[in-house]
Structure formats: structure tokens, C-alpha cells
Amino acid sequence: NMAEQSGMERLDIGALSPEQQEKLRQFKIKTRIENEKYLRSHPEVDLLLSDFLREVFLKRPEDIREFAADHFTDSGLPERIQLRLESCS
């Protein structure tokens, strides 16, 4: 798998110095805050994902990859999401 190929399977946080651990912790917090701000400023991301998941649960496709490709390349998707954005605001 990818983790074994990259050597990440043996990553041991205890191997970091206390200073490195604190920097990593701060980086994770900062990244999480930045991600949250981004998602709040782009509500369409949540709508895209919830729309996709709703369709998956309704249709329960056999081939999820093909279904996802069809779903996200549907020419009507931008309009559907825009209508949902407008109805939410």
C-alpha cells in the first residue's frame, strides 16, 4: 500500500522532540482552523458532498467510482448546487 511505499507506516510521534511535537500540534490546529474558515466561506462544498452522498444512499450504485465520475461531471450539477445555495440563504 501507499503508506508502506512511503515509509510512513513507521512514523512515531514519540521520535519527535517536545519542541517538534508542539510545532506539529500548532500546525495541526492552524490547518484545522484554516480548513474550517474555508468551508464556512464556501458552503457549496458541503452541498456538493451532501448531494453526492444523498444520491449514493438512494441509488446504492454497484460501481461507486463510475457513479462518482458521472455525478461530478453531470452538466446540470452547477445549476442544482446554485439552486440549493439560493434556497438555503
N, C-alpha and C. Protein backbone atom coordinates (compact mmCIF):
# COMPACT_ATOMS: atom_id res chain seq x y z
N ASN A 1 0.83 -1.20 0.00
CA ASN A 1 0.00 0.00 0.00
C ASN A 1 0.86 1.24 0.00
N MET A 2 0.22 2.40 -0.13
CA MET A 2 0.95 3.66 -0.26
C MET A 2 1.77 3.99 0.98
N ALA A 3 1.22 3.72 2.17
CA ALA A 3 1.94 4.05 3.39
C ALA A 3 3.24 3.28 3.49
N GLU A 4 3.20 2.00 3.14
CA GLU A 4 4.42 1.20 3.21
C GLU A 4 5.44 1.67 2.20
N GLN A 5 4.99 2.07 1.02
CA GLN A 5 5.91 2.54 0.00
C GLN A 5 6.59 3.84 0.41
N SER A 6 5.88 4.68 1.18
CA SER A 6 6.45 5.96 1.56
C SER A 6 7.24 5.88 2.86
N GLY A 7 7.12 4.75 3.57
CA GLY A 7 7.81 4.63 4.84
C GLY A 7 7.04 5.24 6.00
N MET A 8 5.85 5.76 5.74
CA MET A 8 5.07 6.43 6.77
C MET A 8 4.49 5.47 7.80
N GLU A 9 4.45 4.17 7.50
CA GLU A 9 3.85 3.22 8.43
C GLU A 9 4.64 3.14 9.73
N ARG A 10 5.88 3.58 9.71
CA ARG A 10 6.71 3.51 10.91
C ARG A 10 6.87 4.86 11.60
N LEU A 11 6.11 5.86 11.17
CA LEU A 11 6.20 7.19 11.77
C LEU A 11 5.82 7.09 13.25
N ASP A 12 6.70 7.57 14.10
CA ASP A 12 6.49 7.50 15.54
C ASP A 12 6.56 8.91 16.09
N ILE A 13 5.40 9.45 16.53
CA ILE A 13 5.38 10.82 17.03
C ILE A 13 6.31 10.98 18.22
N GLY A 14 6.53 9.90 18.99
CA GLY A 14 7.43 9.96 20.13
C GLY A 14 8.88 10.19 19.74
N ALA A 15 9.19 9.97 18.46
CA ALA A 15 10.55 10.19 17.98
C ALA A 15 10.85 11.68 17.81
N LEU A 16 9.81 12.51 17.87
CA LEU A 16 9.99 13.95 17.75
C LEU A 16 10.36 14.53 19.11
N SER A 17 11.15 15.58 19.10
CA SER A 17 11.48 16.27 20.34
C SER A 17 10.21 16.97 20.85
N PRO A 18 10.17 17.32 22.13
CA PRO A 18 9.00 18.05 22.64
C PRO A 18 8.71 19.32 21.83
N GLU A 19 9.76 20.01 21.42
CA GLU A 19 9.58 21.23 20.62
C GLU A 19 8.95 20.89 19.26
N GLN A 20 9.43 19.82 18.64
CA GLN A 20 8.87 19.40 17.35
C GLN A 20 7.42 18.95 17.50
N GLN A 21 7.14 18.24 18.61
CA GLN A 21 5.76 17.80 18.86
C GLN A 21 4.84 19.00 19.01
N GLU A 22 5.31 20.03 19.73
CA GLU A 22 4.49 21.24 19.92
C GLU A 22 4.29 21.96 18.59
N LYS A 23 5.33 22.06 17.77
CA LYS A 23 5.20 22.69 16.46
C LYS A 23 4.20 21.93 15.59
N LEU A 24 4.25 20.60 15.65
CA LEU A 24 3.32 19.76 14.89
C LEU A 24 1.89 19.99 15.38
N ARG A 25 1.72 20.05 16.70
CA ARG A 25 0.40 20.29 17.28
C ARG A 25 -0.15 21.64 16.84
N GLN A 26 0.68 22.67 16.88
CA GLN A 26 0.26 24.02 16.46
C GLN A 26 -0.08 24.03 14.96
N PHE A 27 0.72 23.33 14.17
CA PHE A 27 0.46 23.25 12.72
C PHE A 27 -0.90 22.60 12.46
N LYS A 28 -1.18 21.51 13.20
CA LYS A 28 -2.46 20.82 13.03
C LYS A 28 -3.63 21.73 13.41
N ILE A 29 -3.49 22.47 14.49
CA ILE A 29 -4.55 23.38 14.93
C ILE A 29 -4.75 24.47 13.89
N LYS A 30 -3.65 25.06 13.43
CA LYS A 30 -3.73 26.14 12.43
C LYS A 30 -4.39 25.63 11.15
N THR A 31 -4.01 24.43 10.71
CA THR A 31 -4.57 23.85 9.49
C THR A 31 -6.06 23.60 9.66
N ARG A 32 -6.45 23.08 10.81
CA ARG A 32 -7.87 22.82 11.06
C ARG A 32 -8.68 24.12 11.04
N ILE A 33 -8.15 25.17 11.65
CA ILE A 33 -8.83 26.47 11.65
C ILE A 33 -8.95 27.01 10.23
N GLU A 34 -7.86 26.93 9.46
CA GLU A 34 -7.89 27.42 8.08
C GLU A 34 -8.89 26.62 7.25
N ASN A 35 -8.95 25.31 7.45
CA ASN A 35 -9.91 24.48 6.72
C ASN A 35 -11.33 24.87 7.08
N GLU A 36 -11.58 25.08 8.37
CA GLU A 36 -12.92 25.47 8.83
C GLU A 36 -13.34 26.81 8.24
N LYS A 37 -12.41 27.77 8.22
CA LYS A 37 -12.71 29.09 7.62
C LYS A 37 -13.04 28.93 6.14
N TYR A 38 -12.28 28.10 5.45
CA TYR A 38 -12.50 27.89 4.02
C TYR A 38 -13.89 27.30 3.78
N LEU A 39 -14.23 26.25 4.56
CA LEU A 39 -15.53 25.61 4.38
C LEU A 39 -16.68 26.56 4.70
N ARG A 40 -16.51 27.41 5.71
CA ARG A 40 -17.56 28.39 6.05
C ARG A 40 -17.75 29.41 4.94
N SER A 41 -16.66 29.75 4.25
CA SER A 41 -16.78 30.74 3.18
C SER A 41 -17.18 30.10 1.85
N HIS A 42 -17.24 28.76 1.81
CA HIS A 42 -17.65 28.05 0.60
C HIS A 42 -18.70 26.99 0.94
N PRO A 43 -19.95 27.44 1.24
CA PRO A 43 -20.99 26.47 1.62
C PRO A 43 -21.32 25.48 0.50
N GLU A 44 -20.92 25.80 -0.73
CA GLU A 44 -21.19 24.88 -1.84
C GLU A 44 -20.45 23.56 -1.67
N VAL A 45 -19.33 23.55 -0.93
CA VAL A 45 -18.59 22.31 -0.71
C VAL A 45 -19.48 21.32 0.06
N ASP A 46 -20.10 21.81 1.12
CA ASP A 46 -20.99 20.97 1.92
C ASP A 46 -22.16 20.48 1.07
N LEU A 47 -22.72 21.37 0.26
CA LEU A 47 -23.85 20.99 -0.60
C LEU A 47 -23.44 19.95 -1.64
N LEU A 48 -22.26 20.12 -2.23
CA LEU A 48 -21.77 19.15 -3.21
C LEU A 48 -21.64 17.76 -2.58
N LEU A 49 -21.05 17.72 -1.40
CA LEU A 49 -20.84 16.44 -0.73
C LEU A 49 -22.15 15.81 -0.25
N SER A 50 -23.01 16.63 0.34
CA SER A 50 -24.28 16.07 0.83
C SER A 50 -25.15 15.62 -0.34
N ASP A 51 -25.13 16.35 -1.45
CA ASP A 51 -25.88 15.97 -2.65
C ASP A 51 -25.37 14.62 -3.17
N PHE A 52 -24.07 14.49 -3.23
CA PHE A 52 -23.46 13.24 -3.70
C PHE A 52 -23.84 12.07 -2.78
N LEU A 53 -23.68 12.27 -1.48
CA LEU A 53 -23.97 11.19 -0.54
C LEU A 53 -25.45 10.80 -0.57
N ARG A 54 -26.33 11.80 -0.70
CA ARG A 54 -27.76 11.51 -0.78
C ARG A 54 -28.04 10.59 -1.98
N GLU A 55 -27.45 10.93 -3.12
CA GLU A 55 -27.63 10.13 -4.34
C GLU A 55 -27.05 8.72 -4.16
N VAL A 56 -25.91 8.62 -3.51
CA VAL A 56 -25.29 7.31 -3.26
C VAL A 56 -26.22 6.45 -2.42
N PHE A 57 -26.76 7.03 -1.34
CA PHE A 57 -27.62 6.25 -0.45
C PHE A 57 -28.95 5.90 -1.10
N LEU A 58 -29.45 6.77 -1.97
CA LEU A 58 -30.71 6.48 -2.66
C LEU A 58 -30.53 5.40 -3.72
N LYS A 59 -29.45 5.51 -4.48
CA LYS A 59 -29.26 4.62 -5.64
C LYS A 59 -28.38 3.41 -5.35
N ARG A 60 -27.56 3.49 -4.31
CA ARG A 60 -26.66 2.39 -3.93
C ARG A 60 -25.99 1.74 -5.14
N PRO A 61 -25.19 2.54 -5.86
CA PRO A 61 -24.57 2.02 -7.08
C PRO A 61 -23.57 0.90 -6.82
N GLU A 62 -23.50 -0.03 -7.75
CA GLU A 62 -22.56 -1.15 -7.67
C GLU A 62 -21.12 -0.63 -7.84
N ASP A 63 -20.93 0.23 -8.83
CA ASP A 63 -19.60 0.77 -9.12
C ASP A 63 -19.55 2.23 -8.67
N ILE A 64 -19.08 2.46 -7.45
CA ILE A 64 -19.09 3.80 -6.86
C ILE A 64 -18.18 4.76 -7.62
N ARG A 65 -17.07 4.28 -8.17
CA ARG A 65 -16.16 5.16 -8.91
C ARG A 65 -16.82 5.69 -10.17
N GLU A 66 -17.46 4.82 -10.89
CA GLU A 66 -18.16 5.24 -12.11
C GLU A 66 -19.31 6.18 -11.76
N PHE A 67 -20.03 5.84 -10.70
CA PHE A 67 -21.15 6.68 -10.26
C PHE A 67 -20.65 8.08 -9.89
N ALA A 68 -19.54 8.15 -9.14
CA ALA A 68 -18.98 9.44 -8.73
C ALA A 68 -18.52 10.24 -9.95
N ALA A 69 -17.88 9.57 -10.90
CA ALA A 69 -17.43 10.26 -12.11
C ALA A 69 -18.62 10.84 -12.86
N ASP A 70 -19.68 10.05 -13.00
CA ASP A 70 -20.88 10.53 -13.69
C ASP A 70 -21.53 11.67 -12.91
N HIS A 71 -21.59 11.51 -11.60
CA HIS A 71 -22.24 12.52 -10.76
C HIS A 71 -21.54 13.88 -10.87
N PHE A 72 -20.23 13.87 -10.70
CA PHE A 72 -19.49 15.14 -10.65
C PHE A 72 -19.21 15.74 -12.03
N THR A 73 -19.45 14.99 -13.10
CA THR A 73 -19.29 15.55 -14.44
C THR A 73 -20.64 15.86 -15.09
N ASP A 74 -21.73 15.66 -14.36
CA ASP A 74 -23.06 15.97 -14.86
C ASP A 74 -23.15 17.48 -15.13
N SER A 75 -23.52 17.84 -16.34
CA SER A 75 -23.58 19.26 -16.71
C SER A 75 -24.63 20.03 -15.92
N GLY A 76 -25.58 19.34 -15.31
CA GLY A 76 -26.61 20.01 -14.52
C GLY A 76 -26.21 20.24 -13.07
N LEU A 77 -25.07 19.71 -12.65
CA LEU A 77 -24.65 19.83 -11.26
C LEU A 77 -24.47 21.28 -10.79
N PRO A 78 -23.77 22.13 -11.53
CA PRO A 78 -23.60 23.51 -11.06
C PRO A 78 -24.94 24.22 -10.81
N GLU A 79 -25.89 24.02 -11.70
CA GLU A 79 -27.20 24.66 -11.54
C GLU A 79 -27.93 24.10 -10.32
N ARG A 80 -27.88 22.78 -10.12
CA ARG A 80 -28.53 22.18 -8.94
C ARG A 80 -27.95 22.74 -7.65
N ILE A 81 -26.63 22.84 -7.60
CA ILE A 81 -25.98 23.34 -6.39
C ILE A 81 -26.32 24.82 -6.19
N GLN A 82 -26.34 25.59 -7.26
CA GLN A 82 -26.68 27.01 -7.16
C GLN A 82 -28.10 27.19 -6.63
N LEU A 83 -29.03 26.38 -7.11
CA LEU A 83 -30.41 26.45 -6.62
C LEU A 83 -30.49 26.10 -5.15
N ARG A 84 -29.74 25.11 -4.72
CA ARG A 84 -29.73 24.74 -3.30
C ARG A 84 -29.08 25.84 -2.46
N LEU A 85 -28.03 26.47 -2.99
CA LEU A 85 -27.40 27.59 -2.27
C LEU A 85 -28.41 28.71 -2.06
N GLU A 86 -29.15 29.02 -3.10
CA GLU A 86 -30.13 30.11 -3.03
C GLU A 86 -31.28 29.77 -2.08
N SER A 87 -31.67 28.50 -2.05
CA SER A 87 -32.77 28.11 -1.17
C SER A 87 -32.35 28.08 0.30
N CYS A 88 -31.04 27.94 0.55
CA CYS A 88 -30.54 27.91 1.92
C CYS A 88 -30.35 29.31 2.50
N SER A 89 -30.19 30.29 1.64
CA SER A 89 -29.89 31.64 2.15
C SER A 89 -31.10 32.51 2.31
